[in-house]
PDB file of N, CA and C in Angstrom:
ATOM      1  N   MET A   1     -40.379  47.759-141.642  1.00  0.00           N
ATOM      2  CA  MET A   1     -39.151  48.430-141.978  1.00  0.00           C
ATOM      3  C   MET A   1     -39.037  48.503-143.508  1.00  0.00           C
ATOM      4  N   THR A   2     -38.725  49.673-144.005  1.00  0.00           N
ATOM      5  CA  THR A   2     -38.580  49.837-145.451  1.00  0.00           C
ATOM      6  C   THR A   2     -37.123  49.671-145.858  1.00  0.00           C
ATOM      7  N   ASP A   3     -36.930  49.319-147.099  1.00  0.00           N
ATOM      8  CA  ASP A   3     -35.585  49.174-147.652  1.00  0.00           C
ATOM      9  C   ASP A   3     -35.197  50.497-148.288  1.00  0.00           C
ATOM     10  N   GLU A   4     -34.523  51.356-147.519  1.00  0.00           N
ATOM     11  CA  GLU A   4     -34.103  52.653-148.025  1.00  0.00           C
ATOM     12  C   GLU A   4     -32.636  52.559-148.416  1.00  0.00           C
ATOM     13  N   ARG A   5     -32.367  52.908-149.644  1.00  0.00           N
ATOM     14  CA  ARG A   5     -30.997  52.855-150.148  1.00  0.00           C
ATOM     15  C   ARG A   5     -30.556  54.234-150.599  1.00  0.00           C
ATOM     16  N   ILE A   6     -29.294  54.463-150.504  1.00  0.00           N
ATOM     17  CA  ILE A   6     -28.710  55.696-151.018  1.00  0.00           C
ATOM     18  C   ILE A   6     -28.530  55.486-152.515  1.00  0.00           C
ATOM     19  N   PRO A   7     -29.126  56.345-153.357  1.00  0.00           N
ATOM     20  CA  PRO A   7     -29.069  56.106-154.799  1.00  0.00           C
ATOM     21  C   PRO A   7     -27.661  56.220-155.397  1.00  0.00           C
ATOM     22  N   ARG A   8     -26.827  57.082-154.825  1.00  0.00           N
ATOM     23  CA  ARG A   8     -25.457  57.196-155.318  1.00  0.00           C
ATOM     24  C   ARG A   8     -24.619  57.897-154.257  1.00  0.00           C
ATOM     25  N   VAL A   9     -23.323  57.727-154.360  1.00  0.00           N
ATOM     26  CA  VAL A   9     -22.377  58.385-153.459  1.00  0.00           C
ATOM     27  C   VAL A   9     -21.506  59.284-154.333  1.00  0.00           C
ATOM     28  N   ASP A  10     -21.522  60.590-154.061  1.00  0.00           N
ATOM     29  CA  ASP A  10     -20.747  61.541-154.853  1.00  0.00           C
ATOM     30  C   ASP A  10     -19.383  61.851-154.244  1.00  0.00           C
ATOM     31  N   MET A  11     -19.289  61.796-152.914  1.00  0.00           N
ATOM     32  CA  MET A  11     -18.055  62.184-152.236  1.00  0.00           C
ATOM     33  C   MET A  11     -17.886  61.339-150.983  1.00  0.00           C
ATOM     34  N   ILE A  12     -16.652  60.912-150.751  1.00  0.00           N
ATOM     35  CA  ILE A  12     -16.303  60.230-149.503  1.00  0.00           C
ATOM     36  C   ILE A  12     -15.139  60.995-148.898  1.00  0.00           C
ATOM     37  N   LYS A  13     -15.297  61.429-147.654  1.00  0.00           N
ATOM     38  CA  LYS A  13     -14.214  62.050-146.893  1.00  0.00           C
ATOM     39  C   LYS A  13     -13.915  61.067-145.773  1.00  0.00           C
ATOM     40  N   ALA A  14     -12.690  60.569-145.755  1.00  0.00           N
ATOM     41  CA  ALA A  14     -12.336  59.572-144.740  1.00  0.00           C
ATOM     42  C   ALA A  14     -11.025  59.933-144.074  1.00  0.00           C
ATOM     43  N   ASP A  15     -11.024  59.899-142.770  1.00  0.00           N
ATOM     44  CA  ASP A  15      -9.809  60.034-141.973  1.00  0.00           C
ATOM     45  C   ASP A  15      -9.876  58.878-140.984  1.00  0.00           C
ATOM     46  N   VAL A  16      -9.338  57.749-141.406  1.00  0.00           N
ATOM     47  CA  VAL A  16      -9.466  56.523-140.619  1.00  0.00           C
ATOM     48  C   VAL A  16      -8.124  56.092-140.029  1.00  0.00           C
ATOM     49  N   GLU A  17      -7.267  57.104-139.797  1.00  0.00           N
ATOM     50  CA  GLU A  17      -6.038  56.912-139.036  1.00  0.00           C
ATOM     51  C   GLU A  17      -5.140  55.789-139.541  1.00  0.00           C
ATOM     52  N   GLY A  18      -4.967  55.704-140.847  1.00  0.00           N
ATOM     53  CA  GLY A  18      -4.063  54.717-141.423  1.00  0.00           C
ATOM     54  C   GLY A  18      -4.745  53.532-142.064  1.00  0.00           C
ATOM     55  N   ALA A  19      -6.037  53.393-141.865  1.00  0.00           N
ATOM     56  CA  ALA A  19      -6.769  52.251-142.424  1.00  0.00           C
ATOM     57  C   ALA A  19      -7.418  52.603-143.767  1.00  0.00           C
ATOM     58  N   GLU A  20      -6.906  53.629-144.434  1.00  0.00           N
ATOM     59  CA  GLU A  20      -7.482  54.067-145.708  1.00  0.00           C
ATOM     60  C   GLU A  20      -7.467  52.966-146.762  1.00  0.00           C
ATOM     61  N   LEU A  21      -6.380  52.201-146.845  1.00  0.00           N
ATOM     62  CA  LEU A  21      -6.322  51.131-147.835  1.00  0.00           C
ATOM     63  C   LEU A  21      -7.396  50.081-147.563  1.00  0.00           C
ATOM     64  N   SER A  22      -7.570  49.699-146.316  1.00  0.00           N
ATOM     65  CA  SER A  22      -8.630  48.744-145.963  1.00  0.00           C
ATOM     66  C   SER A  22      -9.999  49.297-146.309  1.00  0.00           C
ATOM     67  N   MET A  23     -10.197  50.597-146.084  1.00  0.00           N
ATOM     68  CA  MET A  23     -11.471  51.228-146.419  1.00  0.00           C
ATOM     69  C   MET A  23     -11.717  51.158-147.920  1.00  0.00           C
ATOM     70  N   LEU A  24     -10.665  51.428-148.726  1.00  0.00           N
ATOM     71  CA  LEU A  24     -10.818  51.347-150.184  1.00  0.00           C
ATOM     72  C   LEU A  24     -11.166  49.931-150.626  1.00  0.00           C
ATOM     73  N   LEU A  25     -10.517  48.951-150.033  1.00  0.00           N
ATOM     74  CA  LEU A  25     -10.801  47.558-150.400  1.00  0.00           C
ATOM     75  C   LEU A  25     -12.239  47.194-150.040  1.00  0.00           C
ATOM     76  N   GLY A  26     -12.746  47.738-148.944  1.00  0.00           N
ATOM     77  CA  GLY A  26     -14.126  47.491-148.553  1.00  0.00           C
ATOM     78  C   GLY A  26     -15.140  48.232-149.408  1.00  0.00           C
ATOM     79  N   ALA A  27     -14.695  49.284-150.076  1.00  0.00           N
ATOM     80  CA  ALA A  27     -15.581  50.098-150.924  1.00  0.00           C
ATOM     81  C   ALA A  27     -15.456  49.722-152.394  1.00  0.00           C
ATOM     82  N   ARG A  28     -14.903  48.572-152.669  1.00  0.00           N
ATOM     83  CA  ARG A  28     -14.635  48.146-154.053  1.00  0.00           C
ATOM     84  C   ARG A  28     -15.850  48.291-154.957  1.00  0.00           C
ATOM     85  N   ALA A  29     -17.018  47.881-154.506  1.00  0.00           N
ATOM     86  CA  ALA A  29     -18.217  47.933-155.354  1.00  0.00           C
ATOM     87  C   ALA A  29     -18.544  49.374-155.761  1.00  0.00           C
ATOM     88  N   ILE A  30     -18.366  50.309-154.860  1.00  0.00           N
ATOM     89  CA  ILE A  30     -18.635  51.716-155.181  1.00  0.00           C
ATOM     90  C   ILE A  30     -17.556  52.251-156.112  1.00  0.00           C
ATOM     91  N   LEU A  31     -16.302  51.920-155.833  1.00  0.00           N
ATOM     92  CA  LEU A  31     -15.190  52.455-156.623  1.00  0.00           C
ATOM     93  C   LEU A  31     -15.148  51.891-158.036  1.00  0.00           C
ATOM     94  N   GLU A  32     -15.701  50.708-158.222  1.00  0.00           N
ATOM     95  CA  GLU A  32     -15.737  50.102-159.551  1.00  0.00           C
ATOM     96  C   GLU A  32     -17.048  50.378-160.279  1.00  0.00           C
ATOM     97  N   GLY A  33     -17.934  51.150-159.663  1.00  0.00           N
ATOM     98  CA  GLY A  33     -19.230  51.447-160.256  1.00  0.00           C
ATOM     99  C   GLY A  33     -19.128  52.427-161.415  1.00  0.00           C
ATOM    100  N   PRO A  34     -20.272  52.753-162.006  1.00  0.00           N
ATOM    101  CA  PRO A  34     -20.287  53.615-163.192  1.00  0.00           C
ATOM    102  C   PRO A  34     -19.870  55.064-162.916  1.00  0.00           C
ATOM    103  N   ARG A  35     -20.123  55.579-161.712  1.00  0.00           N
ATOM    104  CA  ARG A  35     -19.722  56.952-161.366  1.00  0.00           C
ATOM    105  C   ARG A  35     -19.085  56.938-159.980  1.00  0.00           C
ATOM    106  N   PRO A  36     -17.827  56.505-159.912  1.00  0.00           N
ATOM    107  CA  PRO A  36     -17.164  56.431-158.612  1.00  0.00           C
ATOM    108  C   PRO A  36     -17.110  57.805-157.941  1.00  0.00           C
ATOM    109  N   PRO A  37     -17.219  57.830-156.632  1.00  0.00           N
ATOM    110  CA  PRO A  37     -17.211  59.116-155.932  1.00  0.00           C
ATOM    111  C   PRO A  37     -15.827  59.758-155.929  1.00  0.00           C
ATOM    112  N   MET A  38     -15.821  61.067-155.722  1.00  0.00           N
ATOM    113  CA  MET A  38     -14.567  61.734-155.421  1.00  0.00           C
ATOM    114  C   MET A  38     -14.231  61.375-153.974  1.00  0.00           C
ATOM    115  N   LEU A  39     -12.952  61.378-153.661  1.00  0.00           N
ATOM    116  CA  LEU A  39     -12.509  61.004-152.320  1.00  0.00           C
ATOM    117  C   LEU A  39     -11.580  62.077-151.766  1.00  0.00           C
ATOM    118  N   VAL A  40     -11.688  62.342-150.485  1.00  0.00           N
ATOM    119  CA  VAL A  40     -10.710  63.157-149.780  1.00  0.00           C
ATOM    120  C   VAL A  40     -10.163  62.252-148.690  1.00  0.00           C
ATOM    121  N   LEU A  41      -8.854  61.994-148.771  1.00  0.00           N
ATOM    122  CA  LEU A  41      -8.207  61.076-147.836  1.00  0.00           C
ATOM    123  C   LEU A  41      -6.981  61.731-147.236  1.00  0.00           C
ATOM    124  N   GLU A  42      -6.699  61.349-146.011  1.00  0.00           N
ATOM    125  CA  GLU A  42      -5.493  61.825-145.350  1.00  0.00           C
ATOM    126  C   GLU A  42      -4.367  60.835-145.620  1.00  0.00           C
ATOM    127  N   PHE A  43      -3.261  61.334-146.093  1.00  0.00           N
ATOM    128  CA  PHE A  43      -2.071  60.518-146.334  1.00  0.00           C
ATOM    129  C   PHE A  43      -1.068  60.816-145.220  1.00  0.00           C
ATOM    130  N   GLU A  44      -0.834  59.852-144.354  1.00  0.00           N
ATOM    131  CA  GLU A  44       0.167  59.952-143.291  1.00  0.00           C
ATOM    132  C   GLU A  44       0.987  58.683-143.320  1.00  0.00           C
ATOM    133  N   GLU A  45       2.230  58.806-143.728  1.00  0.00           N
ATOM    134  CA  GLU A  45       3.079  57.624-143.909  1.00  0.00           C
ATOM    135  C   GLU A  45       3.186  56.781-142.642  1.00  0.00           C
ATOM    136  N   GLU A  46       3.416  57.412-141.521  1.00  0.00           N
ATOM    137  CA  GLU A  46       3.588  56.661-140.261  1.00  0.00           C
ATOM    138  C   GLU A  46       2.361  55.824-139.934  1.00  0.00           C
ATOM    139  N   ARG A  47       1.191  56.384-140.113  1.00  0.00           N
ATOM    140  CA  ARG A  47      -0.046  55.633-139.820  1.00  0.00           C
ATOM    141  C   ARG A  47      -0.294  54.539-140.856  1.00  0.00           C
ATOM    142  N   GLN A  48       0.067  54.812-142.125  1.00  0.00           N
ATOM    143  CA  GLN A  48      -0.072  53.775-143.150  1.00  0.00           C
ATOM    144  C   GLN A  48       0.820  52.579-142.812  1.00  0.00           C
ATOM    145  N   VAL A  49       2.049  52.853-142.410  1.00  0.00           N
ATOM    146  CA  VAL A  49       2.992  51.790-142.059  1.00  0.00           C
ATOM    147  C   VAL A  49       2.457  50.968-140.891  1.00  0.00           C
ATOM    148  N   ALA A  50       1.822  51.626-139.926  1.00  0.00           N
ATOM    149  CA  ALA A  50       1.252  50.915-138.778  1.00  0.00           C
ATOM    150  C   ALA A  50       0.193  49.905-139.207  1.00  0.00           C
ATOM    151  N   PHE A  51      -0.430  50.136-140.366  1.00  0.00           N
ATOM    152  CA  PHE A  51      -1.445  49.213-140.900  1.00  0.00           C
ATOM    153  C   PHE A  51      -0.883  48.332-142.011  1.00  0.00           C
ATOM    154  N   GLY A  52       0.445  48.294-142.130  1.00  0.00           N
ATOM    155  CA  GLY A  52       1.070  47.426-143.125  1.00  0.00           C
ATOM    156  C   GLY A  52       1.007  47.954-144.534  1.00  0.00           C
ATOM    157  N   SER A  53       0.852  49.253-144.690  1.00  0.00           N
ATOM    158  CA  SER A  53       0.747  49.850-146.013  1.00  0.00           C
ATOM    159  C   SER A  53       1.719  51.016-146.111  1.00  0.00           C
ATOM    160  N   SER A  54       1.511  51.862-147.094  1.00  0.00           N
ATOM    161  CA  SER A  54       2.297  53.088-147.271  1.00  0.00           C
ATOM    162  C   SER A  54       1.468  54.059-148.094  1.00  0.00           C
ATOM    163  N   CYS A  55       1.873  55.316-148.093  1.00  0.00           N
ATOM    164  CA  CYS A  55       1.179  56.300-148.932  1.00  0.00           C
ATOM    165  C   CYS A  55       1.333  55.936-150.397  1.00  0.00           C
ATOM    166  N   GLY A  56       2.498  55.406-150.766  1.00  0.00           N
ATOM    167  CA  GLY A  56       2.714  54.969-152.147  1.00  0.00           C
ATOM    168  C   GLY A  56       1.762  53.863-152.542  1.00  0.00           C
ATOM    169  N   ARG A  57       1.553  52.906-151.653  1.00  0.00           N
ATOM    170  CA  ARG A  57       0.624  51.788-151.921  1.00  0.00           C
ATOM    171  C   ARG A  57      -0.811  52.298-152.021  1.00  0.00           C
ATOM    172  N   LEU A  58      -1.162  53.234-151.149  1.00  0.00           N
ATOM    173  CA  LEU A  58      -2.497  53.823-151.172  1.00  0.00           C
ATOM    174  C   LEU A  58      -2.723  54.557-152.498  1.00  0.00           C
ATOM    175  N   ALA A  59      -1.731  55.347-152.926  1.00  0.00           N
ATOM    176  CA  ALA A  59      -1.824  56.052-154.208  1.00  0.00           C
ATOM    177  C   ALA A  59      -1.933  55.054-155.360  1.00  0.00           C
ATOM    178  N   GLU A  60      -1.156  53.993-155.295  1.00  0.00           N
ATOM    179  CA  GLU A  60      -1.187  52.953-156.338  1.00  0.00           C
ATOM    180  C   GLU A  60      -2.579  52.321-156.448  1.00  0.00           C
ATOM    181  N   GLU A  61      -3.189  52.036-155.320  1.00  0.00           N
ATOM    182  CA  GLU A  61      -4.528  51.434-155.324  1.00  0.00           C
ATOM    183  C   GLU A  61      -5.547  52.392-155.933  1.00  0.00           C
ATOM    184  N   LEU A  62      -5.473  53.657-155.570  1.00  0.00           N
ATOM    185  CA  LEU A  62      -6.396  54.642-156.140  1.00  0.00           C
ATOM    186  C   LEU A  62      -6.204  54.761-157.649  1.00  0.00           C
ATOM    187  N   ARG A  63      -4.967  54.772-158.081  1.00  0.00           N
ATOM    188  CA  ARG A  63      -4.698  54.865-159.523  1.00  0.00           C
ATOM    189  C   ARG A  63      -5.164  53.613-160.251  1.00  0.00           C
ATOM    190  N   ARG A  64      -5.121  52.475-159.578  1.00  0.00           N
ATOM    191  CA  ARG A  64      -5.617  51.234-160.178  1.00  0.00           C
ATOM    192  C   ARG A  64      -7.109  51.351-160.513  1.00  0.00           C
ATOM    193  N   TYR A  65      -7.838  52.104-159.711  1.00  0.00           N
ATOM    194  CA  TYR A  65      -9.253  52.355-159.987  1.00  0.00           C
ATOM    195  C   TYR A  65      -9.441  53.477-161.009  1.00  0.00           C
ATOM    196  N   GLY A  66      -8.345  54.076-161.469  1.00  0.00           N
ATOM    197  CA  GLY A  66      -8.420  55.131-162.473  1.00  0.00           C
ATOM    198  C   GLY A  66      -8.396  56.544-161.921  1.00  0.00           C
ATOM    199  N   TYR A  67      -8.240  56.690-160.631  1.00  0.00           N
ATOM    200  CA  TYR A  67      -8.269  58.015-160.014  1.00  0.00           C
ATOM    201  C   TYR A  67      -7.026  58.834-160.326  1.00  0.00           C
ATOM    202  N   GLU A  68      -7.242  60.139-160.462  1.00  0.00           N
ATOM    203  CA  GLU A  68      -6.158  61.119-160.511  1.00  0.00           C
ATOM    204  C   GLU A  68      -6.062  61.698-159.103  1.00  0.00           C
ATOM    205  N   LEU A  69      -4.851  61.941-158.632  1.00  0.00           N
ATOM    206  CA  LEU A  69      -4.653  62.407-157.259  1.00  0.00           C
ATOM    207  C   LEU A  69      -4.162  63.851-157.246  1.00  0.00           C
ATOM    208  N   TRP A  70      -4.754  64.632-156.341  1.00  0.00           N
ATOM    209  CA  TRP A  70      -4.455  66.049-156.229  1.00  0.00           C
ATOM    210  C   TRP A  70      -4.148  66.400-154.783  1.00  0.00           C
ATOM    211  N   ARG A  71      -3.048  67.084-154.581  1.00  0.00           N
ATOM    212  CA  ARG A  71      -2.655  67.586-153.263  1.00  0.00           C
ATOM    213  C   ARG A  71      -3.531  68.796-152.950  1.00  0.00           C
ATOM    214  N   ILE A  72      -4.169  68.787-151.796  1.00  0.00           N
ATOM    215  CA  ILE A  72      -5.014  69.907-151.387  1.00  0.00           C
ATOM    216  C   ILE A  72      -4.156  70.890-150.603  1.00  0.00           C
ATOM    217  N   GLY A  73      -4.092  72.111-151.086  1.00  0.00           N
ATOM    218  CA  GLY A  73      -3.335  73.181-150.436  1.00  0.00           C
ATOM    219  C   GLY A  73      -3.940  74.500-150.839  1.00  0.00           C
ATOM    220  N   GLN A  74      -3.111  75.523-150.957  1.00  0.00           N
ATOM    221  CA  GLN A  74      -3.607  76.817-151.433  1.00  0.00           C
ATOM    222  C   GLN A  74      -4.251  76.671-152.796  1.00  0.00           C
ATOM    223  N   VAL A  75      -3.676  75.791-153.624  1.00  0.00           N
ATOM    224  CA  VAL A  75      -4.230  75.424-154.915  1.00  0.00           C
ATOM    225  C   VAL A  75      -4.159  73.909-155.020  1.00  0.00           C
ATOM    226  N   LEU A  76      -4.956  73.342-155.896  1.00  0.00           N
ATOM    227  CA  LEU A  76      -4.858  71.908-156.143  1.00  0.00           C
ATOM    228  C   LEU A  76      -3.709  71.670-157.109  1.00  0.00           C
ATOM    229  N   GLU A  77      -2.846  70.735-156.768  1.00  0.00           N
ATOM    230  CA  GLU A  77      -1.753  70.387-157.672  1.00  0.00           C
ATOM    231  C   GLU A  77      -1.640  68.878-157.725  1.00  0.00           C
ATOM    232  N   PRO A  78      -1.186  68.337-158.842  1.00  0.00           N
ATOM    233  CA  PRO A  78      -1.063  66.880-158.949  1.00  0.00           C
ATOM    234  C   PRO A  78      -0.223  66.324-157.799  1.00  0.00           C
ATOM    235  N   TYR A  79      -0.673  65.215-157.239  1.00  0.00           N
ATOM    236  CA  TYR A  79       0.064  64.597-156.136  1.00  0.00           C
ATOM    237  C   TYR A  79       1.142  63.666-156.661  1.00  0.00           C
ATOM    238  N   ARG A  80       2.341  63.957-156.250  1.00  0.00           N
ATOM    239  CA  ARG A  80       3.478  63.075-156.430  1.00  0.00           C
ATOM    240  C   ARG A  80       4.233  63.131-155.118  1.00  0.00           C
ATOM    241  N   PRO A  81       4.568  61.985-154.543  1.00  0.00           N
ATOM    242  CA  PRO A  81       5.302  62.020-153.271  1.00  0.00           C
ATOM    243  C   PRO A  81       6.606  62.817-153.419  1.00  0.00           C
ATOM    244  N   ARG A  82       6.892  63.622-152.409  1.00  0.00           N
ATOM    245  CA  ARG A  82       8.115  64.424-152.406  1.00  0.00           C
ATOM    246  C   ARG A  82       8.845  64.207-151.080  1.00  0.00           C
ATOM    247  N   PRO A  83      10.154  64.302-151.093  1.00  0.00           N
ATOM    248  CA  PRO A  83      10.897  64.094-149.844  1.00  0.00           C
ATOM    249  C   PRO A  83      10.556  65.124-148.771  1.00  0.00           C
ATOM    250  N   ASP A  84      10.104  66.313-149.164  1.00  0.00           N
ATOM    251  CA  ASP A  84       9.785  67.351-148.187  1.00  0.00           C
ATOM    252  C   ASP A  84       8.292  67.387-147.833  1.00  0.00           C
ATOM    253  N   ASP A  85       7.569  66.313-148.151  1.00  0.00           N
ATOM    254  CA  ASP A  85       6.145  66.269-147.802  1.00  0.00           C
ATOM    255  C   ASP A  85       5.966  66.437-146.297  1.00  0.00           C
ATOM    256  N   PRO A  86       4.933  67.175-145.883  1.00  0.00           N
ATOM    257  CA  PRO A  86       4.633  67.234-144.446  1.00  0.00           C
ATOM    258  C   PRO A  86       4.179  65.861-143.966  1.00  0.00           C
ATOM    259  N   TRP A  87       4.167  65.648-142.675  1.00  0.00           N
ATOM    260  CA  TRP A  87       3.816  64.322-142.144  1.00  0.00           C
ATOM    261  C   TRP A  87       2.366  63.959-142.437  1.00  0.00           C
ATOM    262  N   SER A  88       1.535  64.941-142.732  1.00  0.00           N
ATOM    263  CA  SER A  88       0.126  64.677-143.029  1.00  0.00           C
ATOM    264  C   SER A  88      -0.316  65.528-144.215  1.00  0.00           C
ATOM    265  N   LEU A  89      -0.936  64.883-145.202  1.00  0.00           N
ATOM    266  CA  LEU A  89      -1.451  65.582-146.383  1.00  0.00           C
ATOM    267  C   LEU A  89      -2.896  65.184-146.609  1.00  0.00           C
ATOM    268  N   ASN A  90      -3.666  66.092-147.141  1.00  0.00           N
ATOM    269  CA  ASN A  90      -4.998  65.748-147.617  1.00  0.00           C
ATOM    270  C   ASN A  90      -4.936  65.649-149.123  1.00  0.00           C
ATOM    271  N   ILE A  91      -5.460  64.549-149.638  1.00  0.00           N
ATOM    272  CA  ILE A  91      -5.425  64.258-151.064  1.00  0.00           C
ATOM    273  C   ILE A  91      -6.849  64.154-151.597  1.00  0.00           C
ATOM    274  N   LEU A  92      -7.091  64.809-152.724  1.00  0.00           N
ATOM    275  CA  LEU A  92      -8.359  64.690-153.437  1.00  0.00           C
ATOM    276  C   LEU A  92      -8.143  63.696-154.562  1.00  0.00           C
ATOM    277  N   ALA A  93      -8.961  62.672-154.612  1.00  0.00           N
ATOM    278  CA  ALA A  93      -8.897  61.665-155.674  1.00  0.00           C
ATOM    279  C   ALA A  93     -10.126  61.841-156.557  1.00  0.00           C
ATOM    280  N   VAL A  94      -9.874  62.042-157.857  1.00  0.00           N
ATOM    281  CA  VAL A  94     -10.955  62.318-158.805  1.00  0.00           C
ATOM    282  C   VAL A  94     -10.910  61.281-159.912  1.00  0.00           C
ATOM    283  N   HIS A  95     -12.031  60.607-160.111  1.00  0.00           N
ATOM    284  CA  HIS A  95     -12.144  59.655-161.209  1.00  0.00           C
ATOM    285  C   HIS A  95     -12.513  60.436-162.471  1.00  0.00           C
ATOM    286  N   PRO A  96     -11.989  60.034-163.642  1.00  0.00           N
ATOM    287  CA  PRO A  96     -12.310  60.754-164.884  1.00  0.00           C
ATOM    288  C   PRO A  96     -13.811  60.919-165.131  1.00  0.00           C
ATOM    289  N   SER A  97     -14.618  59.993-164.649  1.00  0.00           N
ATOM    290  CA  SER A  97     -16.066  60.111-164.849  1.00  0.00           C
ATOM    291  C   SER A  97     -16.664  61.260-164.038  1.00  0.00           C
ATOM    292  N   ARG A  98     -15.896  61.815-163.112  1.00  0.00           N
ATOM    293  CA  ARG A  98     -16.369  62.934-162.277  1.00  0.00           C
ATOM    294  C   ARG A  98     -15.655  64.231-162.631  1.00  0.00           C
ATOM    295  N   ARG A  99     -14.980  64.243-163.767  1.00  0.00           N
ATOM    296  CA  ARG A  99     -14.197  65.404-164.185  1.00  0.00           C
ATOM    297  C   ARG A  99     -15.045  66.670-164.229  1.00  0.00           C
ATOM    298  N   ASP A 100     -16.324  66.546-164.589  1.00  0.00           N
ATOM    299  CA  ASP A 100     -17.194  67.720-164.660  1.00  0.00           C
ATOM    300  C   ASP A 100     -17.302  68.417-163.313  1.00  0.00           C
ATOM    301  N   ILE A 101     -17.467  67.651-162.254  1.00  0.00           N
ATOM    302  CA  ILE A 101     -17.560  68.233-160.913  1.00  0.00           C
ATOM    303  C   ILE A 101     -16.218  68.834-160.519  1.00  0.00           C
ATOM    304  N   PHE A 102     -15.146  68.108-160.796  1.00  0.00           N
ATOM    305  CA  PHE A 102     -13.813  68.584-160.452  1.00  0.00           C
ATOM    306  C   PHE A 102     -13.516  69.922-161.126  1.00  0.00           C
ATOM    307  N   GLU A 103     -13.870  70.051-162.373  1.00  0.00           N
ATOM    308  CA  GLU A 103     -13.598  71.293-163.092  1.00  0.00           C
ATOM    309  C   GLU A 103     -14.367  72.458-162.494  1.00  0.00           C
ATOM    310  N   ARG A 104     -15.527  72.205-161.946  1.00  0.00           N
ATOM    311  CA  ARG A 104     -16.284  73.264-161.277  1.00  0.00           C
ATOM    312  C   ARG A 104     -15.620  73.679-159.969  1.00  0.00           C
ATOM    313  N   LEU A 105     -14.815  72.801-159.394  1.00  0.00           N
ATOM    314  CA  LEU A 105     -14.108  73.131-158.149  1.00  0.00           C
ATOM    315  C   LEU A 105     -12.921  74.067-158.383  1.00  0.00           C
ATOM    316  N   GLN A 106     -12.389  74.029-159.581  1.00  0.00           N
ATOM    317  CA  GLN A 106     -11.228  74.853-159.899  1.00  0.00           C
ATOM    318  C   GLN A 106     -11.620  76.317-159.862  1.00  0.00           C
ATOM    319  N   VAL A 107     -10.884  77.089-159.102  1.00  0.00           N
ATOM    320  CA  VAL A 107     -11.168  78.522-158.970  1.00  0.00           C
ATOM    321  C   VAL A 107     -10.080  79.278-159.724  1.00  0.00           C
ATOM    322  N   VAL A 108     -10.511  80.149-160.592  1.00  0.00           N
ATOM    323  CA  VAL A 108      -9.571  80.985-161.330  1.00  0.00           C
ATOM    324  C   VAL A 108      -9.387  82.263-160.546  1.00  0.00           C
ATOM    325  N   SER A 109      -8.121  82.591-160.241  1.00  0.00           N
ATOM    326  CA  SER A 109      -7.882  83.819-159.458  1.00  0.00           C
ATOM    327  C   SER A 109      -7.460  84.974-160.327  1.00  0.00           C
TER     328      SER A 109
END
């Protein structure tokens, strides 16, 4: 058996039904590495609460790693919780070290 390793992780898309915070804590080594991946996570308050967390806590943890959060919709816009948020949101988390990739994602209309 050979020791095959993934040389780097560029993107993580996770929909773990409320266990996103636990997933982030388990991915600490990757998130604290030299080029942390971009993340796409589902923010659902009800499911976060079921796991003893909240969307605010999840956002706080991502920001602690230095991530900027973007609401995925017709256009990307900075994520800030709003009272009229839908029950489920997809959030793109971008670390400053990955800004080059993020800027290529921006589409000018």
